[in-house]
Amino acid sequence: MGPNSFLHKATEGWEHLDDFEKVSVNSEKAEDEFRNYKDSERQIVVENHYRLMRTNQTFAFVDKMYKKYHSFDKKKMTIWDAFEVLGTYVDSSDPDTELPNIEHGFQTAEVNILTHHFTPYSFSYSYCYSFCYC
């Protein structure tokens, strides 16, 4: 077996998927393992998360958060220290991933590079976007 035989088997029948879908779908995942949008135990948390995001999309809220967090006087740390702190954060908008946030950030960056035009800044921008989103 060649080095690509596993990849070929894992992606068999995926010709109709776009690049984003190809890296987003786990071929081994059973249908009942995907997120239940109707009555899962975390559905209320997810719905509340998105409700608050939409409610707080106002200039006043953004201005308040900018003033609160843009002074950079909360804590001094390296970017890697910040990534470690991020690893303890539970993203209530994405409750069905068990990956640490640092890995989720790398996945986001890799998917963005695969599905968008690559520039020298693609990886760092995508990773930082994922980091800041949390």
N, C-alpha and C. Protein backbone atom coordinates (compact mmCIF):
# COMPACT_ATOMS: atom_id res chain seq x y z
N MET A 1 0.84 -1.20 0.00
CA MET A 1 0.00 0.00 0.00
C MET A 1 0.88 1.25 0.00
N GLY A 2 0.54 2.17 -0.86
CA GLY A 2 1.28 3.42 -0.93
C GLY A 2 0.84 4.38 0.15
N PRO A 3 1.57 5.48 0.32
CA PRO A 3 1.25 6.45 1.37
C PRO A 3 -0.10 7.13 1.16
N ASN A 4 -0.60 7.16 -0.08
CA ASN A 4 -1.86 7.83 -0.35
C ASN A 4 -3.07 6.90 -0.33
N SER A 5 -2.85 5.59 -0.11
CA SER A 5 -3.97 4.64 -0.17
C SER A 5 -5.00 4.90 0.92
N PHE A 6 -4.56 5.27 2.12
CA PHE A 6 -5.52 5.57 3.20
C PHE A 6 -6.34 6.80 2.84
N LEU A 7 -5.66 7.84 2.33
CA LEU A 7 -6.36 9.06 1.95
C LEU A 7 -7.37 8.77 0.85
N HIS A 8 -6.98 7.95 -0.13
CA HIS A 8 -7.91 7.63 -1.22
C HIS A 8 -9.14 6.91 -0.68
N LYS A 9 -8.94 5.94 0.21
CA LYS A 9 -10.07 5.20 0.78
C LYS A 9 -10.96 6.12 1.61
N ALA A 10 -10.35 6.99 2.41
CA ALA A 10 -11.11 7.87 3.29
C ALA A 10 -11.94 8.88 2.51
N THR A 11 -11.49 9.24 1.31
CA THR A 11 -12.19 10.27 0.55
C THR A 11 -12.97 9.70 -0.63
N GLU A 12 -13.09 8.39 -0.69
CA GLU A 12 -13.83 7.75 -1.78
C GLU A 12 -15.28 8.23 -1.80
N GLY A 13 -15.76 8.63 -2.95
CA GLY A 13 -17.14 9.09 -3.07
C GLY A 13 -17.35 10.54 -2.69
N TRP A 14 -16.28 11.28 -2.45
CA TRP A 14 -16.40 12.68 -2.02
C TRP A 14 -16.20 13.66 -3.17
N GLU A 15 -16.23 13.17 -4.41
CA GLU A 15 -15.93 14.03 -5.56
C GLU A 15 -16.84 15.25 -5.63
N HIS A 16 -18.08 15.12 -5.16
CA HIS A 16 -19.05 16.22 -5.25
C HIS A 16 -18.86 17.28 -4.16
N LEU A 17 -18.00 17.02 -3.18
CA LEU A 17 -17.79 17.97 -2.10
C LEU A 17 -16.79 19.05 -2.50
N ASP A 18 -17.00 20.27 -1.98
CA ASP A 18 -15.99 21.31 -2.22
C ASP A 18 -14.87 21.15 -1.20
N ASP A 19 -13.79 21.95 -1.33
CA ASP A 19 -12.63 21.80 -0.45
C ASP A 19 -12.99 21.94 1.02
N PHE A 20 -13.85 22.93 1.34
CA PHE A 20 -14.24 23.13 2.73
C PHE A 20 -14.96 21.90 3.28
N GLU A 21 -15.87 21.35 2.50
CA GLU A 21 -16.60 20.17 2.97
C GLU A 21 -15.67 18.98 3.14
N LYS A 22 -14.69 18.85 2.27
CA LYS A 22 -13.77 17.72 2.36
C LYS A 22 -12.98 17.73 3.66
N VAL A 23 -12.60 18.90 4.14
CA VAL A 23 -11.84 18.94 5.39
C VAL A 23 -12.75 19.06 6.60
N SER A 24 -14.04 19.24 6.39
CA SER A 24 -14.98 19.41 7.49
C SER A 24 -15.66 18.12 7.90
N VAL A 25 -15.69 17.14 7.02
CA VAL A 25 -16.45 15.92 7.26
C VAL A 25 -15.52 14.80 7.68
N ASN A 26 -15.85 14.15 8.78
CA ASN A 26 -15.12 12.99 9.24
C ASN A 26 -15.82 11.76 8.67
N SER A 27 -15.16 11.06 7.77
CA SER A 27 -15.79 9.93 7.09
C SER A 27 -16.14 8.79 8.04
N GLU A 28 -15.53 8.77 9.22
CA GLU A 28 -15.79 7.71 10.19
C GLU A 28 -16.94 8.04 11.14
N LYS A 29 -17.43 9.28 11.10
CA LYS A 29 -18.44 9.74 12.05
C LYS A 29 -19.82 9.23 11.66
N ALA A 30 -20.49 8.60 12.61
CA ALA A 30 -21.84 8.10 12.38
C ALA A 30 -22.84 9.26 12.39
N GLU A 31 -23.94 9.09 11.68
CA GLU A 31 -24.93 10.17 11.58
C GLU A 31 -25.43 10.63 12.94
N ASP A 32 -25.61 9.70 13.88
CA ASP A 32 -26.13 10.08 15.20
C ASP A 32 -25.09 10.81 16.05
N GLU A 33 -23.84 10.91 15.58
CA GLU A 33 -22.81 11.65 16.29
C GLU A 33 -22.78 13.13 15.92
N PHE A 34 -23.44 13.51 14.82
CA PHE A 34 -23.47 14.91 14.44
C PHE A 34 -24.38 15.69 15.37
N ARG A 35 -24.22 16.99 15.39
CA ARG A 35 -24.97 17.85 16.30
C ARG A 35 -26.48 17.69 16.10
N ASN A 36 -27.16 17.58 17.21
CA ASN A 36 -28.62 17.52 17.22
C ASN A 36 -29.12 18.94 17.45
N TYR A 37 -29.77 19.52 16.46
CA TYR A 37 -30.22 20.90 16.55
C TYR A 37 -31.60 21.04 17.16
N LYS A 38 -32.22 19.94 17.55
CA LYS A 38 -33.59 20.01 18.05
C LYS A 38 -33.69 19.91 19.57
N ASP A 39 -33.09 18.88 20.15
CA ASP A 39 -33.31 18.66 21.58
C ASP A 39 -32.06 18.16 22.31
N SER A 40 -30.89 18.64 21.89
CA SER A 40 -29.67 18.22 22.58
C SER A 40 -29.59 18.90 23.94
N GLU A 41 -28.79 18.35 24.81
CA GLU A 41 -28.67 18.93 26.16
C GLU A 41 -27.98 20.29 26.14
N ARG A 42 -27.25 20.62 25.07
CA ARG A 42 -26.57 21.92 24.99
C ARG A 42 -27.29 22.90 24.06
N GLN A 43 -28.43 22.52 23.51
CA GLN A 43 -29.10 23.37 22.54
C GLN A 43 -29.47 24.73 23.12
N ILE A 44 -29.92 24.78 24.35
CA ILE A 44 -30.30 26.05 24.97
C ILE A 44 -29.07 26.96 25.08
N VAL A 45 -27.92 26.39 25.44
CA VAL A 45 -26.69 27.17 25.56
C VAL A 45 -26.30 27.75 24.20
N VAL A 46 -26.37 26.92 23.16
CA VAL A 46 -26.01 27.36 21.81
C VAL A 46 -26.97 28.46 21.34
N GLU A 47 -28.28 28.24 21.52
CA GLU A 47 -29.27 29.24 21.11
C GLU A 47 -29.06 30.56 21.84
N ASN A 48 -28.79 30.50 23.14
CA ASN A 48 -28.55 31.71 23.92
C ASN A 48 -27.29 32.44 23.45
N HIS A 49 -26.25 31.67 23.14
CA HIS A 49 -25.00 32.25 22.64
C HIS A 49 -25.26 33.09 21.39
N TYR A 50 -25.95 32.50 20.42
CA TYR A 50 -26.21 33.22 19.17
C TYR A 50 -27.21 34.35 19.36
N ARG A 51 -28.17 34.19 20.26
CA ARG A 51 -29.12 35.27 20.54
C ARG A 51 -28.38 36.48 21.10
N LEU A 52 -27.47 36.24 22.05
CA LEU A 52 -26.69 37.34 22.63
C LEU A 52 -25.76 37.98 21.60
N MET A 53 -25.19 37.17 20.72
CA MET A 53 -24.32 37.73 19.68
C MET A 53 -25.11 38.69 18.80
N ARG A 54 -26.31 38.29 18.41
CA ARG A 54 -27.12 39.15 17.54
C ARG A 54 -27.65 40.37 18.30
N THR A 55 -28.05 40.16 19.54
CA THR A 55 -28.56 41.27 20.36
C THR A 55 -27.49 42.33 20.56
N ASN A 56 -26.25 41.88 20.75
CA ASN A 56 -25.16 42.81 21.06
C ASN A 56 -24.43 43.34 19.84
N GLN A 57 -24.99 43.16 18.66
CA GLN A 57 -24.37 43.73 17.46
C GLN A 57 -24.83 45.18 17.30
N THR A 58 -24.40 45.99 18.25
CA THR A 58 -24.74 47.41 18.22
C THR A 58 -23.45 48.21 18.38
N PHE A 59 -23.49 49.44 17.93
CA PHE A 59 -22.31 50.30 18.09
C PHE A 59 -21.99 50.49 19.57
N ALA A 60 -23.03 50.69 20.38
CA ALA A 60 -22.81 50.94 21.81
C ALA A 60 -22.09 49.77 22.47
N PHE A 61 -22.51 48.54 22.16
CA PHE A 61 -21.89 47.37 22.77
C PHE A 61 -20.44 47.21 22.28
N VAL A 62 -20.24 47.36 20.98
CA VAL A 62 -18.88 47.24 20.43
C VAL A 62 -17.97 48.31 21.02
N ASP A 63 -18.47 49.52 21.13
CA ASP A 63 -17.68 50.61 21.72
C ASP A 63 -17.33 50.30 23.17
N LYS A 64 -18.28 49.78 23.92
CA LYS A 64 -18.04 49.41 25.32
C LYS A 64 -16.97 48.33 25.42
N MET A 65 -17.05 47.29 24.58
CA MET A 65 -16.08 46.20 24.60
C MET A 65 -14.71 46.68 24.13
N TYR A 66 -14.69 47.58 23.15
CA TYR A 66 -13.43 48.14 22.67
C TYR A 66 -12.72 48.86 23.81
N LYS A 67 -13.46 49.69 24.53
CA LYS A 67 -12.87 50.43 25.65
C LYS A 67 -12.41 49.49 26.76
N LYS A 68 -13.17 48.43 26.98
CA LYS A 68 -12.85 47.49 28.05
C LYS A 68 -11.60 46.66 27.73
N TYR A 69 -11.48 46.18 26.49
CA TYR A 69 -10.44 45.21 26.16
C TYR A 69 -9.31 45.73 25.29
N HIS A 70 -9.42 46.93 24.75
CA HIS A 70 -8.40 47.39 23.81
C HIS A 70 -7.25 48.15 24.47
N SER A 71 -7.25 48.21 25.76
CA SER A 71 -6.17 48.93 26.45
C SER A 71 -4.95 48.04 26.68
N PHE A 72 -5.10 46.74 26.54
CA PHE A 72 -4.00 45.80 26.71
C PHE A 72 -3.31 45.94 28.07
N ASP A 73 -4.10 46.22 29.10
CA ASP A 73 -3.53 46.36 30.44
C ASP A 73 -4.04 45.28 31.39
N LYS A 74 -4.66 44.26 30.87
CA LYS A 74 -5.24 43.21 31.72
C LYS A 74 -4.19 42.22 32.21
N LYS A 75 -3.33 41.80 31.30
CA LYS A 75 -2.33 40.81 31.65
C LYS A 75 -1.24 40.83 30.59
N LYS A 76 -0.01 40.61 31.01
CA LYS A 76 1.10 40.54 30.07
C LYS A 76 1.45 39.07 29.87
N MET A 77 1.46 38.64 28.60
CA MET A 77 1.79 37.24 28.30
C MET A 77 2.27 37.14 26.86
N THR A 78 2.96 36.05 26.58
CA THR A 78 3.37 35.78 25.21
C THR A 78 2.17 35.24 24.45
N ILE A 79 2.28 35.18 23.13
CA ILE A 79 1.19 34.64 22.33
C ILE A 79 0.96 33.17 22.67
N TRP A 80 2.03 32.43 22.96
CA TRP A 80 1.86 31.01 23.31
C TRP A 80 1.18 30.86 24.67
N ASP A 81 1.48 31.77 25.61
CA ASP A 81 0.75 31.75 26.89
C ASP A 81 -0.73 31.98 26.65
N ALA A 82 -1.03 32.91 25.74
CA ALA A 82 -2.43 33.20 25.41
C ALA A 82 -3.09 31.98 24.79
N PHE A 83 -2.37 31.25 23.93
CA PHE A 83 -2.93 30.03 23.34
C PHE A 83 -3.23 28.99 24.41
N GLU A 84 -2.37 28.90 25.42
CA GLU A 84 -2.62 27.95 26.51
C GLU A 84 -3.86 28.33 27.30
N VAL A 85 -4.04 29.62 27.55
CA VAL A 85 -5.25 30.09 28.24
C VAL A 85 -6.47 29.77 27.38
N LEU A 86 -6.35 30.01 26.09
CA LEU A 86 -7.45 29.72 25.17
C LEU A 86 -7.84 28.24 25.24
N GLY A 87 -6.86 27.39 25.49
CA GLY A 87 -7.13 25.96 25.58
C GLY A 87 -8.09 25.59 26.70
N THR A 88 -8.27 26.46 27.67
CA THR A 88 -9.19 26.18 28.77
C THR A 88 -10.59 26.71 28.50
N TYR A 89 -10.74 27.46 27.41
CA TYR A 89 -12.03 28.08 27.09
C TYR A 89 -12.95 27.08 26.41
N VAL A 90 -14.20 27.02 26.82
CA VAL A 90 -15.20 26.17 26.18
C VAL A 90 -16.07 27.08 25.31
N ASP A 91 -16.02 26.87 24.02
CA ASP A 91 -16.77 27.68 23.07
C ASP A 91 -18.21 27.20 23.03
N SER A 92 -19.12 27.98 23.58
CA SER A 92 -20.51 27.55 23.66
C SER A 92 -21.20 27.55 22.30
N SER A 93 -20.57 28.13 21.28
CA SER A 93 -21.18 28.08 19.95
C SER A 93 -20.80 26.80 19.21
N ASP A 94 -19.86 26.05 19.73
CA ASP A 94 -19.39 24.84 19.05
C ASP A 94 -19.24 23.71 20.07
N PRO A 95 -20.36 23.27 20.64
CA PRO A 95 -20.28 22.34 21.76
C PRO A 95 -19.93 20.90 21.41
N ASP A 96 -19.96 20.56 20.12
CA ASP A 96 -19.74 19.15 19.81
C ASP A 96 -18.34 18.84 19.30
N THR A 97 -17.42 19.75 19.50
CA THR A 97 -16.03 19.43 19.17
C THR A 97 -15.28 19.14 20.47
N GLU A 98 -14.47 18.12 20.42
CA GLU A 98 -13.69 17.77 21.61
C GLU A 98 -12.24 18.20 21.45
N LEU A 99 -11.94 18.87 20.35
CA LEU A 99 -10.57 19.32 20.12
C LEU A 99 -10.24 20.50 21.02
N PRO A 100 -9.00 20.57 21.50
CA PRO A 100 -8.58 21.78 22.22
C PRO A 100 -8.65 22.97 21.26
N ASN A 101 -8.88 24.16 21.78
CA ASN A 101 -9.03 25.34 20.94
C ASN A 101 -7.80 25.63 20.09
N ILE A 102 -6.60 25.27 20.57
CA ILE A 102 -5.41 25.53 19.76
C ILE A 102 -5.47 24.69 18.48
N GLU A 103 -5.95 23.45 18.58
CA GLU A 103 -6.08 22.62 17.38
C GLU A 103 -7.21 23.12 16.50
N HIS A 104 -8.29 23.57 17.11
CA HIS A 104 -9.41 24.11 16.35
C HIS A 104 -8.95 25.35 15.58
N GLY A 105 -8.11 26.17 16.19
CA GLY A 105 -7.56 27.34 15.51
C GLY A 105 -6.72 26.96 14.31
N PHE A 106 -5.87 25.94 14.47
CA PHE A 106 -5.07 25.48 13.34
C PHE A 106 -5.96 24.93 12.24
N GLN A 107 -7.02 24.20 12.61
CA GLN A 107 -7.95 23.69 11.60
C GLN A 107 -8.58 24.84 10.83
N THR A 108 -9.01 25.87 11.55
CA THR A 108 -9.63 27.03 10.90
C THR A 108 -8.65 27.66 9.91
N ALA A 109 -7.41 27.82 10.34
CA ALA A 109 -6.40 28.41 9.47
C ALA A 109 -6.17 27.54 8.24
N GLU A 110 -6.06 26.24 8.44
CA GLU A 110 -5.81 25.34 7.32
C GLU A 110 -6.97 25.33 6.33
N VAL A 111 -8.20 25.32 6.83
CA VAL A 111 -9.37 25.34 5.95
C VAL A 111 -9.42 26.64 5.17
N ASN A 112 -9.14 27.75 5.83
CA ASN A 112 -9.14 29.03 5.13
C ASN A 112 -8.08 29.07 4.03
N ILE A 113 -6.94 28.48 4.28
CA ILE A 113 -5.89 28.43 3.26
C ILE A 113 -6.34 27.56 2.09
N LEU A 114 -6.99 26.43 2.38
CA LEU A 114 -7.44 25.54 1.31
C LEU A 114 -8.57 26.13 0.48
N THR A 115 -9.43 26.89 1.11
CA THR A 115 -10.64 27.35 0.42
C THR A 115 -10.59 28.79 -0.06
N HIS A 116 -9.56 29.52 0.27
CA HIS A 116 -9.43 30.91 -0.16
C HIS A 116 -8.09 31.11 -0.83
N HIS A 117 -7.90 32.25 -1.41
CA HIS A 117 -6.61 32.54 -2.04
C HIS A 117 -5.54 32.64 -0.97
N PHE A 118 -4.44 31.95 -1.19
CA PHE A 118 -3.34 31.94 -0.23
C PHE A 118 -2.51 33.21 -0.37
N THR A 119 -2.22 33.83 0.74
CA THR A 119 -1.29 34.95 0.79
C THR A 119 -0.29 34.64 1.89
N PRO A 120 0.81 35.38 1.96
CA PRO A 120 1.77 35.13 3.05
C PRO A 120 1.15 35.29 4.44
N TYR A 121 0.02 35.99 4.53
CA TYR A 121 -0.60 36.25 5.82
C TYR A 121 -1.77 35.32 6.12
N SER A 122 -2.11 34.43 5.19
CA SER A 122 -3.32 33.61 5.34
C SER A 122 -3.34 32.83 6.64
N PHE A 123 -2.24 32.13 6.93
CA PHE A 123 -2.24 31.29 8.12
C PHE A 123 -2.36 32.11 9.39
N SER A 124 -1.53 33.14 9.52
CA SER A 124 -1.55 33.92 10.76
C SER A 124 -2.87 34.66 10.91
N TYR A 125 -3.41 35.18 9.81
CA TYR A 125 -4.70 35.88 9.89
C TYR A 125 -5.79 34.91 10.32
N SER A 126 -5.84 33.74 9.68
CA SER A 126 -6.89 32.77 9.98
C SER A 126 -6.79 32.26 11.41
N TYR A 127 -5.57 31.98 11.84
CA TYR A 127 -5.41 31.48 13.20
C TYR A 127 -5.79 32.56 14.21
N CYS A 128 -5.33 33.77 13.99
CA CYS A 128 -5.66 34.86 14.92
C CYS A 128 -7.15 35.15 14.92
N TYR A 129 -7.79 35.02 13.76
CA TYR A 129 -9.24 35.21 13.70
C TYR A 129 -9.92 34.19 14.59
N SER A 130 -9.50 32.94 14.47
CA SER A 130 -10.09 31.89 15.30
C SER A 130 -9.81 32.15 16.77
N PHE A 131 -8.59 32.59 17.07
CA PHE A 131 -8.19 32.89 18.44
C PHE A 131 -9.05 34.02 19.02
N CYS A 132 -9.23 35.08 18.24
CA CYS A 132 -9.99 36.24 18.73
C CYS A 132 -11.47 35.96 18.81
N TYR A 133 -11.96 35.07 17.96
CA TYR A 133 -13.38 34.73 17.95
C TYR A 133 -13.80 34.15 19.29
N CYS A 134 -12.90 33.36 19.87
CA CYS A 134 -13.23 32.74 21.15
C CYS A 134 -13.12 33.76 22.25
